[in-house]
Protein backbone atom coordinates (compact mmCIF):
# COMPACT_ATOMS: atom_id res chain seq x y z
CA UNK A 1 83.85 246.30 189.23
CA UNK A 2 81.96 242.91 190.45
CA UNK A 3 80.00 243.82 187.57
CA UNK A 4 82.26 244.18 184.96
CA UNK A 5 83.70 240.80 186.16
CA UNK A 6 80.43 239.26 185.27
CA UNK A 7 79.94 240.71 182.07
CA UNK A 8 84.01 239.30 180.89
CA UNK A 9 83.12 236.20 182.07
CA UNK A 10 79.94 235.31 179.95
CA UNK A 11 82.23 237.00 177.07
CA UNK A 12 84.64 234.67 177.29
CA UNK A 13 82.36 231.65 177.97
CA UNK A 14 80.33 232.85 174.69
CA UNK A 15 83.76 232.53 172.90
CA UNK A 16 85.21 228.76 173.59
CA UNK A 17 87.56 230.50 174.86
CA UNK A 18 87.59 229.45 178.57
CA UNK A 19 90.56 227.20 180.16
CA UNK A 20 90.55 223.95 178.74
CA UNK A 21 89.98 221.08 181.49
CA UNK A 22 92.19 217.81 181.02
CA UNK A 23 90.71 215.23 180.01
CA UNK A 24 89.94 212.61 182.36
CA UNK A 25 91.95 210.08 183.15
CA UNK A 26 90.89 206.38 182.37
CA UNK A 27 90.24 204.58 185.89
CA UNK A 28 92.73 202.41 186.09
CA UNK A 29 91.76 198.97 187.36
CA UNK A 30 93.60 197.44 190.17
CA UNK A 31 95.85 194.81 188.92
CA UNK A 32 93.73 192.58 191.06
CA UNK A 33 90.87 191.86 189.52
CA UNK A 34 92.91 191.93 185.57
CA UNK A 35 91.38 189.10 183.12
CA UNK A 36 93.99 187.53 181.23
CA UNK A 37 94.11 184.16 179.38
CA UNK A 38 95.50 181.49 181.05
CA UNK A 39 98.74 180.37 178.38
CA UNK A 40 99.61 176.66 179.27
CA UNK A 41 103.29 175.79 179.66
CA UNK A 42 105.09 174.28 177.31
CA UNK A 43 105.58 170.78 177.42
CA UNK A 44 108.10 169.43 178.41
CA UNK A 45 110.79 167.43 175.57
CA UNK A 46 110.67 164.22 176.29
CA UNK A 47 114.53 163.34 177.74
CA UNK A 48 116.16 161.70 174.29
CA UNK A 49 116.14 157.78 174.70
CA UNK A 50 119.69 156.86 175.12
CA UNK A 51 121.33 155.11 172.19
CA UNK A 52 123.01 151.67 172.35
CA UNK A 53 126.14 150.96 172.39
CA UNK A 54 127.31 149.25 169.15
CA UNK A 55 128.53 145.75 170.52
CA UNK A 56 130.35 143.85 168.17
CA UNK A 57 129.26 140.08 167.61
CA UNK A 58 131.28 137.18 168.78
CA UNK A 59 134.19 136.27 166.37
CA UNK A 60 134.23 132.54 167.04
CA UNK A 61 137.61 130.38 166.30
CA UNK A 62 136.75 126.97 165.48
CA UNK A 63 138.22 123.81 163.96
CA UNK A 64 137.26 119.95 162.10
CA UNK A 65 138.52 116.52 163.94
CA UNK A 66 138.16 113.93 160.74
CA UNK A 67 137.33 111.41 163.71
CA UNK A 68 138.04 108.25 161.07
CA UNK A 69 141.90 109.51 160.70
CA UNK A 70 142.38 110.34 164.99
CA UNK A 71 145.09 107.09 165.95
CA UNK A 72 145.99 108.62 169.02
CA UNK A 73 144.29 109.59 172.47
CA UNK A 74 142.24 112.81 171.99
CA UNK A 75 144.07 114.25 175.43
CA UNK A 76 146.67 114.81 172.96
CA UNK A 77 144.79 117.19 171.21
CA UNK A 78 142.91 118.96 174.27
CA UNK A 79 145.08 122.05 174.78
CA UNK A 80 144.02 123.03 171.51
CA UNK A 81 140.49 121.84 171.48
CA UNK A 82 139.98 123.91 174.91
CA UNK A 83 140.60 126.61 173.06
CA UNK A 84 137.71 126.94 170.71
CA UNK A 85 134.37 128.43 170.57
CA UNK A 86 133.34 124.77 168.99
CA UNK A 87 134.80 121.49 166.89
CA UNK A 88 133.42 119.85 164.04
CA UNK A 89 134.18 116.15 164.14
CA UNK A 90 133.67 114.88 160.05
CA UNK A 91 134.60 112.15 158.45
CA UNK A 92 132.15 109.58 160.48
CA UNK A 93 128.41 110.65 158.59
CA UNK A 94 126.78 109.66 155.67
CA UNK A 95 123.90 109.29 153.78
CA UNK A 96 123.73 106.34 151.64
CA UNK A 97 121.34 105.70 148.29
CA UNK A 98 117.84 105.40 150.68
CA UNK A 99 118.46 108.08 152.19
CA UNK A 100 119.34 107.19 156.17
CA UNK A 101 122.29 108.35 158.14
CA UNK A 102 125.88 105.59 158.64
CA UNK A 103 127.09 106.63 161.47
CA UNK A 104 129.99 105.50 162.37
CA UNK A 105 132.38 104.33 165.65
CA UNK A 106 134.78 106.45 165.11
CA UNK A 107 132.27 108.96 165.40
CA UNK A 108 130.35 107.78 168.80
CA UNK A 109 133.74 107.10 170.07
CA UNK A 110 134.70 110.91 169.42
CA UNK A 111 131.48 112.05 170.93
CA UNK A 112 131.23 110.17 174.29
CA UNK A 113 134.87 111.57 174.86
CA UNK A 114 134.15 114.96 173.87
CA UNK A 115 130.27 115.20 174.70
CA UNK A 116 129.77 117.91 177.21
CA UNK A 117 133.30 118.70 177.74
CA UNK A 118 132.80 121.57 174.39
CA UNK A 119 130.76 122.50 171.93
CA UNK A 120 129.63 119.80 169.25
CA UNK A 121 128.79 120.32 165.68
CA UNK A 122 129.04 117.53 163.07
CA UNK A 123 129.34 117.22 159.07
CA UNK A 124 126.65 114.80 157.60
CA UNK A 125 128.25 114.10 153.49
CA UNK A 126 127.14 112.06 150.90
CA UNK A 127 129.11 108.78 151.39
CA UNK A 128 131.68 107.95 149.54
CA UNK A 129 130.71 105.97 147.03
CA UNK A 130 127.38 108.11 145.68
CA UNK A 131 130.02 110.87 144.70
CA UNK A 132 131.80 108.15 143.07
CA UNK A 133 129.32 107.11 141.29
CA UNK A 134 127.52 110.37 140.87
CA UNK A 135 124.91 110.07 142.63
CA UNK A 136 124.90 111.44 145.21
CA UNK A 137 121.82 114.40 145.05
CA UNK A 138 119.18 111.17 143.60
CA UNK A 139 118.45 111.36 146.92
CA UNK A 140 117.49 114.49 146.57
CA UNK A 141 115.50 114.97 143.36
CA UNK A 142 112.18 114.14 144.93
CA UNK A 143 109.84 116.15 147.60
CA UNK A 144 109.16 113.35 149.72
CA UNK A 145 112.59 112.25 149.10
CA UNK A 146 114.16 115.44 150.47
CA UNK A 147 111.63 115.33 153.84
CA UNK A 148 112.82 112.01 154.64
CA UNK A 149 117.44 112.80 155.04
CA UNK A 150 115.88 116.25 156.20
CA UNK A 151 113.80 114.45 159.01
CA UNK A 152 117.08 111.87 159.79
CA UNK A 153 119.51 113.99 160.36
CA UNK A 154 116.96 116.87 162.81
CA UNK A 155 116.71 113.21 164.64
CA UNK A 156 120.20 112.36 164.25
CA UNK A 157 121.28 116.26 165.68
CA UNK A 158 118.96 116.19 168.54
CA UNK A 159 119.70 112.76 169.98
CA UNK A 160 123.66 113.21 170.01
CA UNK A 161 122.35 116.83 171.33
CA UNK A 162 125.11 118.12 168.47
CA UNK A 163 125.24 122.77 168.18
CA UNK A 164 124.89 122.95 164.88
CA UNK A 165 124.79 120.27 161.96
CA UNK A 166 127.96 120.83 158.52
CA UNK A 167 127.20 119.88 154.94
CA UNK A 168 130.31 118.55 152.67
CA UNK A 169 129.51 118.30 149.93
CA UNK A 170 132.27 117.75 147.00
CA UNK A 171 130.16 118.55 144.91
CA UNK A 172 126.98 118.75 143.45
CA UNK A 173 126.90 118.72 139.58
CA UNK A 174 125.74 121.78 138.01
CA UNK A 175 121.26 119.79 137.52
CA UNK A 176 121.66 119.20 141.20
CA UNK A 177 121.85 122.60 142.94
CA UNK A 178 118.23 123.55 142.61
CA UNK A 179 117.91 120.09 144.08
CA UNK A 180 120.21 120.89 147.05
CA UNK A 181 119.06 124.64 147.60
CA UNK A 182 115.45 123.05 148.11
CA UNK A 183 117.37 120.55 150.69
CA UNK A 184 118.97 123.25 152.91
CA UNK A 185 116.34 125.02 153.11
CA UNK A 186 114.22 122.35 154.27
CA UNK A 187 116.41 121.65 156.33
CA UNK A 188 117.34 124.70 157.97
CA UNK A 189 113.55 124.52 159.08
CA UNK A 190 113.79 121.27 160.40
CA UNK A 191 116.90 122.62 162.84
CA UNK A 192 115.55 126.20 164.15
CA UNK A 193 112.64 124.36 165.88
CA UNK A 194 115.60 122.79 168.23
CA UNK A 195 117.59 126.03 167.90
CA UNK A 196 120.30 123.98 165.98
CA UNK A 197 122.40 125.97 163.11
CA UNK A 198 123.31 124.79 159.99
CA UNK A 199 126.30 124.96 158.11
CA UNK A 200 128.06 124.42 154.78
CA UNK A 201 131.82 124.08 154.62
CA UNK A 202 132.06 125.42 150.25
CA UNK A 203 135.40 126.14 148.08
CA UNK A 204 135.23 129.04 146.20
CA UNK A 205 134.13 127.69 143.04
CA UNK A 206 131.18 127.44 140.60
CA UNK A 207 128.39 127.30 143.59
CA UNK A 208 125.04 127.99 142.30
CA UNK A 209 122.74 127.97 145.63
CA UNK A 210 119.56 130.07 145.72
CA UNK A 211 119.03 133.29 146.88
CA UNK A 212 116.41 131.65 149.17
CA UNK A 213 119.31 128.84 150.25
CA UNK A 214 121.84 131.41 151.31
CA UNK A 215 119.30 133.08 153.60
CA UNK A 216 118.62 129.70 155.12
CA UNK A 217 121.74 129.56 156.21
CA UNK A 218 123.52 130.28 159.73
CA UNK A 219 127.66 129.85 158.39
CA UNK A 220 129.44 128.86 155.28
CA UNK A 221 133.08 127.42 156.06
CA UNK A 222 134.58 128.99 153.72
CA UNK A 223 137.91 126.03 152.25
CA UNK A 224 140.07 128.98 151.24
CA UNK A 225 143.43 126.65 150.54
CA UNK A 226 143.88 124.50 148.17
CA UNK A 227 144.63 127.92 145.96
CA UNK A 228 147.66 129.00 144.17
CA UNK A 229 148.92 131.79 143.09
CA UNK A 230 151.36 132.35 139.81
CA UNK A 231 154.60 131.74 142.30
CA UNK A 232 152.97 128.50 143.35
CA UNK A 233 152.33 129.91 147.14
CA UNK A 234 149.45 127.75 148.88
CA UNK A 235 147.03 129.51 150.45
CA UNK A 236 147.50 132.34 150.59
CA UNK A 237 146.55 136.30 152.59
CA UNK A 238 145.64 137.14 148.86
CA UNK A 239 143.64 133.76 147.43
CA UNK A 240 142.30 134.54 151.14
CA UNK A 241 140.90 137.69 150.11
CA UNK A 242 139.32 137.12 146.88
CA UNK A 243 137.53 133.94 148.32
CA UNK A 244 135.37 136.29 150.64
CA UNK A 245 135.11 138.00 147.97
CA UNK A 246 134.05 135.45 145.74
CA UNK A 247 130.95 134.52 148.60
CA UNK A 248 129.84 138.07 148.88
CA UNK A 249 128.88 138.32 145.23
CA UNK A 250 127.09 135.44 145.32
CA UNK A 251 124.69 137.24 148.51
CA UNK A 252 126.79 135.71 151.63
CA UNK A 253 126.44 138.54 153.81
CA UNK A 254 130.13 138.81 155.34
CA UNK A 255 128.45 137.38 159.50
CA UNK A 256 127.60 134.20 157.43
CA UNK A 257 131.26 133.36 156.54
CA UNK A 258 134.16 132.26 158.22
CA UNK A 259 137.31 132.06 157.31
CA UNK A 260 139.59 128.62 156.78
CA UNK A 261 143.53 128.55 157.43
CA UNK A 262 145.19 125.56 156.51
CA UNK A 263 147.29 123.73 159.11
CA UNK A 264 149.31 121.93 156.37
CA UNK A 265 151.34 122.98 153.21
CA UNK A 266 150.81 122.03 149.60
CA UNK A 267 154.87 122.12 146.91
CA UNK A 268 155.44 124.70 144.88
CA UNK A 269 154.48 122.61 141.49
CA UNK A 270 151.13 121.89 143.66
CA UNK A 271 151.18 117.85 143.11
CA UNK A 272 149.39 115.80 145.49
CA UNK A 273 151.30 116.43 148.40
CA UNK A 274 149.76 117.97 152.01
CA UNK A 275 152.34 117.65 154.63
CA UNK A 276 151.26 118.40 158.16
CA UNK A 277 152.12 121.92 159.96
CA UNK A 278 153.09 120.13 162.98
CA UNK A 279 155.84 117.50 160.83
CA UNK A 280 157.52 120.75 160.28
CA UNK A 281 160.54 122.25 161.92
CA UNK A 282 160.11 125.12 163.58
CA UNK A 283 163.22 125.95 163.34
CA UNK A 284 163.32 126.42 159.49
CA UNK A 285 160.29 128.83 160.14
CA UNK A 286 163.01 131.01 160.25
CA UNK A 287 164.20 132.15 156.96
CA UNK A 288 163.45 134.84 154.82
CA UNK A 289 160.25 133.35 154.06
CA UNK A 290 158.09 132.74 157.46
CA UNK A 291 155.76 130.47 155.36
CA UNK A 292 158.10 128.49 152.63
CA UNK A 293 160.23 125.46 154.27
CA UNK A 294 162.23 124.18 150.93
CA UNK A 295 159.64 123.41 147.86
CA UNK A 296 156.71 123.50 150.58
CA UNK A 297 154.51 126.75 151.36
CA UNK A 298 152.57 126.62 154.86
CA UNK A 299 150.35 129.34 157.06
CA UNK A 300 152.67 129.95 159.96
CA UNK A 301 151.65 131.51 162.99
CA UNK A 302 152.29 134.82 161.66
CA UNK A 303 150.25 134.21 158.69
CA UNK A 304 147.43 133.13 160.24
CA UNK A 305 147.21 135.96 162.70
CA UNK A 306 147.11 138.17 159.35
CA UNK A 307 144.21 136.25 158.61
CA UNK A 308 142.32 136.84 161.78
CA UNK A 309 142.80 140.61 160.89
CA UNK A 310 141.85 140.36 157.36
CA UNK A 311 138.61 138.53 158.82
CA UNK A 312 137.88 140.86 161.18
CA UNK A 313 138.14 144.00 159.04
CA UNK A 314 135.69 142.26 156.65
CA UNK A 315 132.99 141.73 159.67
CA UNK A 316 133.97 137.84 159.36
CA UNK A 317 132.02 135.96 162.54
CA UNK A 318 135.21 134.02 162.47
CA UNK A 319 138.35 131.37 161.70
CA UNK A 320 137.99 128.41 160.78
CA UNK A 321 141.57 126.07 161.22
CA UNK A 322 141.73 122.56 158.83
CA UNK A 323 142.46 120.78 160.45
CA UNK A 324 143.11 119.60 163.71
CA UNK A 325 145.70 116.87 163.80
CA UNK A 326 147.57 118.70 161.20
CA UNK A 327 148.15 121.52 163.89
CA UNK A 328 151.15 121.21 166.24
CA UNK A 329 150.11 121.15 170.13
CA UNK A 330 153.00 123.44 171.81
CA UNK A 331 153.19 127.17 171.48
CA UNK A 332 153.37 127.25 167.85
CA UNK A 333 149.91 126.01 167.01
CA UNK A 334 147.78 128.30 164.50
CA UNK A 335 144.95 127.40 166.93
CA UNK A 336 147.21 128.50 170.49
CA UNK A 337 148.35 131.38 168.57
CA UNK A 338 144.70 132.58 167.06
CA UNK A 339 143.12 132.28 170.59
CA UNK A 340 145.49 134.75 172.32
CA UNK A 341 144.10 137.37 169.72
CA UNK A 342 140.95 136.64 169.49
């Protein structure tokens, strides 16, 4: 038997039919010895910077005070003055044919009273005789003359510690706009070094300022009055819109514009009468049209508020009441009414 068993085993080995062994298992590497490539952790995304909240620019309320027309104590107008962001003193400072400024005693008296109480600007006009003779532009037609007038105005603003200079020239001749534009650019450069602002009082008609001059202005006080619609109504909401559109079409930014609101009425026939709002009986404003008393059309408090809302919608920088001495000083005052809703 033993011999037979050995013979069978030999045969199986020769024929390859012996039972195959399972393949050797690969030796597993212990986890502690596994070499892995270090993958850097993704950098944390920076937190987005907070978006600054949009802040509305300051909406201003101001008025003109013609110092040459003041016939009663300033304290009578103190409530209205206190409601303003700034006050423009006018009819007191003019440039003459030599390019020098003439400063009236009226201006000095009012300035001495109000200085330190409220922010003050001043209008500089060509002297009346230069307007009548149409020679106001001769002071600006050479670089040397412009330089002299610019220096005179800058010195004046510094001496009286003014916040702004307002130029009211009604109106340059067609041939004078180029020199006037150059003058404004030079004046802005001189004033800006002392943080004095520059504005123009402009009527929305026949303006030919250069784009460089437009860019140099901080503000335009839009004379949106003495305009009549087809009914003879003076300074309506519609004419205010037309005045705004006119200046924007010229290239002014809305933020440069302040809408003028008259504190006086005009007759429907457009004749040369200016009726002070303060002289209109408030009881007479209770009719069907609160802006019409007899044949005088004026801006009631309700219309003034509509214009202020229009100015805000158009993103203008403010409204201006022309002028302080025409307005009432009681609860029906245009200035007081507008100040409540700023």
